[in-house]
Amino acid sequence: MRYAQIREEIRAGTGARTLPAWAGRVLDGVLEGLAAGAPPVRAVRHPLGFLCLPVERSGDLGVCLHIWTPEVRPAPSTTSPVHCHSWDLLSFVLYGTVRNVRMDVDEAMPRVGGPQPPEDQLLGGHAHHRGGVRCP
């Protein structure tokens, strides 16, 4: 299944019926490839604690399966747990739940020479941080 097909399944509301079977076929292919010593995709360990299987890349568009498992733990955080994407992101949860929380960046937080929070904090829907990447 290509990106355009997956996007249309999600937008049409038919993804719950079609995408789990597609993902199962993709994972079967990955496991068969691993058993044969030639996996069809290279899994990437994401710092947030999941495996990313990049199953399609076509120009700026791509399809990745993200797999969370207790065996893959998040890397120690070097920044805030709040992050954003600089591209339009379309997601579909095959199993479990996901939560998207919109945050505001408080640029007035003291940065150098003033009191610093012991670590980056999330307070009342605002990301209080000590620098980092800003999303447009």
Protein backbone atom coordinates (compact mmCIF):
# COMPACT_ATOMS: atom_id res chain seq x y z
CA MET A 1 0.00 0.00 0.00
CA ARG A 2 1.43 3.37 -0.99
CA TYR A 3 1.36 6.66 0.93
CA ALA A 4 -1.55 8.07 -1.10
CA GLN A 5 -3.62 4.93 -0.48
CA ILE A 6 -2.94 4.99 3.25
CA ARG A 7 -3.78 8.70 3.46
CA GLU A 8 -7.06 8.10 1.64
CA GLU A 9 -7.99 5.17 3.90
CA ILE A 10 -7.45 7.37 6.96
CA ARG A 11 -9.35 10.33 5.53
CA ALA A 12 -12.22 8.13 4.33
CA GLY A 13 -12.57 6.56 7.79
CA THR A 14 -11.83 3.05 6.49
CA GLY A 15 -8.36 2.72 8.03
CA ALA A 16 -9.56 0.67 11.00
CA ARG A 17 -10.76 -1.96 8.55
CA THR A 18 -7.79 -2.01 6.17
CA LEU A 19 -4.62 -0.72 7.82
CA PRO A 20 -4.14 -3.36 10.55
CA ALA A 21 -4.04 -6.12 7.91
CA TRP A 22 -1.61 -4.07 5.79
CA ALA A 23 0.65 -3.47 8.82
CA GLY A 24 0.50 -7.19 9.63
CA ARG A 25 1.69 -8.04 6.12
CA VAL A 26 4.51 -5.50 6.42
CA LEU A 27 5.61 -6.94 9.77
CA ASP A 28 5.39 -10.50 8.39
CA GLY A 29 7.70 -9.44 5.56
CA VAL A 30 10.14 -7.87 8.01
CA LEU A 31 10.21 -11.01 10.17
CA GLU A 32 10.62 -13.28 7.14
CA GLY A 33 13.46 -11.09 5.91
CA LEU A 34 15.15 -11.19 9.31
CA ALA A 35 14.89 -14.98 9.38
CA ALA A 36 16.45 -15.14 5.92
CA GLY A 37 19.20 -12.69 6.89
CA ALA A 38 17.98 -9.92 4.58
CA PRO A 39 15.43 -7.62 6.27
CA PRO A 40 13.48 -5.53 3.73
CA VAL A 41 13.73 -2.37 5.85
CA ARG A 42 16.20 -1.13 8.44
CA ALA A 43 14.65 -0.54 11.84
CA VAL A 44 15.67 2.70 13.54
CA ARG A 45 15.72 3.01 17.33
CA HIS A 46 14.12 6.38 18.05
CA PRO A 47 15.38 8.30 21.11
CA LEU A 48 11.79 8.56 22.42
CA GLY A 49 11.69 4.79 22.93
CA PHE A 50 10.14 3.14 19.88
CA LEU A 51 11.26 1.32 16.77
CA CYS A 52 10.63 3.06 13.47
CA LEU A 53 10.24 0.93 10.37
CA PRO A 54 10.50 3.24 7.33
CA VAL A 55 8.44 1.18 4.87
CA GLU A 56 8.10 3.79 2.11
CA ARG A 57 9.87 6.95 1.05
CA SER A 58 8.79 8.80 -2.07
CA GLY A 59 10.20 12.32 -2.31
CA ASP A 60 8.97 14.30 0.68
CA LEU A 61 6.39 11.66 1.61
CA GLY A 62 7.01 8.61 3.73
CA VAL A 63 5.31 5.88 5.69
CA CYS A 64 6.78 4.57 8.93
CA LEU A 65 5.44 2.01 11.35
CA HIS A 66 6.26 2.98 14.94
CA ILE A 67 6.40 0.10 17.38
CA TRP A 68 6.49 0.60 21.13
CA THR A 69 7.67 -2.35 23.18
CA PRO A 70 9.02 -2.66 26.73
CA GLU A 71 12.28 -4.00 25.29
CA VAL A 72 13.06 -0.63 23.68
CA ARG A 73 13.45 2.00 26.37
CA PRO A 74 13.73 5.75 25.74
CA ALA A 75 17.25 7.13 25.62
CA PRO A 76 18.19 9.47 28.47
CA SER A 77 16.71 12.84 27.59
CA THR A 78 19.11 15.62 26.71
CA THR A 79 16.32 18.11 26.06
CA SER A 80 12.64 18.51 26.83
CA PRO A 81 10.22 15.62 26.23
CA VAL A 82 8.19 18.13 24.22
CA HIS A 83 8.94 18.02 20.52
CA CYS A 84 7.36 19.01 17.25
CA HIS A 85 7.58 18.09 13.61
CA SER A 86 8.46 20.56 10.89
CA TRP A 87 6.22 18.74 8.43
CA ASP A 88 2.56 17.82 8.23
CA LEU A 89 2.11 14.60 10.13
CA LEU A 90 -0.73 12.16 9.55
CA SER A 91 -1.01 9.37 12.11
CA PHE A 92 -3.17 6.33 12.57
CA VAL A 93 -3.02 4.24 15.75
CA LEU A 94 -3.25 0.52 15.01
CA TYR A 95 -3.24 -0.56 18.65
CA GLY A 96 -3.21 1.48 21.85
CA THR A 97 -3.60 5.22 22.19
CA VAL A 98 -1.67 8.37 21.39
CA ARG A 99 -2.08 11.85 22.79
CA ASN A 100 -1.18 15.07 21.06
CA VAL A 101 -0.84 18.07 23.36
CA ARG A 102 -0.33 21.51 21.87
CA MET A 103 2.20 23.58 23.76
CA ASP A 104 3.14 27.24 23.90
CA VAL A 105 6.78 28.21 24.28
CA ASP A 106 7.48 30.67 27.07
CA GLU A 107 10.46 32.67 25.82
CA ALA A 108 10.43 34.77 29.01
CA MET A 109 11.90 31.94 31.09
CA PRO A 110 15.32 32.86 32.52
CA ARG A 111 18.12 31.26 30.52
CA VAL A 112 21.53 32.15 31.89
CA GLY A 113 22.45 33.60 35.25
CA GLY A 114 18.94 33.39 36.70
CA PRO A 115 17.21 30.60 38.56
CA GLN A 116 16.84 27.52 36.39
CA PRO A 117 14.30 24.74 36.87
CA PRO A 118 16.00 21.49 37.89
CA GLU A 119 14.95 20.04 34.54
CA ASP A 120 12.70 21.06 31.69
CA GLN A 121 9.14 21.24 32.93
CA LEU A 122 5.65 21.10 31.51
CA LEU A 123 3.33 23.41 33.35
CA GLY A 124 -0.27 24.21 32.45
CA GLY A 125 0.05 23.63 28.72
CA HIS A 126 3.24 25.64 28.39
CA ALA A 127 6.68 24.28 27.59
CA HIS A 128 9.18 25.97 29.87
CA HIS A 129 12.60 25.27 28.48
CA ARG A 130 16.18 26.45 28.38
CA GLY A 131 16.57 26.94 24.66
CA GLY A 132 16.17 24.41 21.89
CA VAL A 133 14.42 24.16 18.57
CA ARG A 134 11.44 26.35 17.85
CA CYS A 135 8.77 25.20 15.45
CA PRO A 136 7.21 27.75 13.12
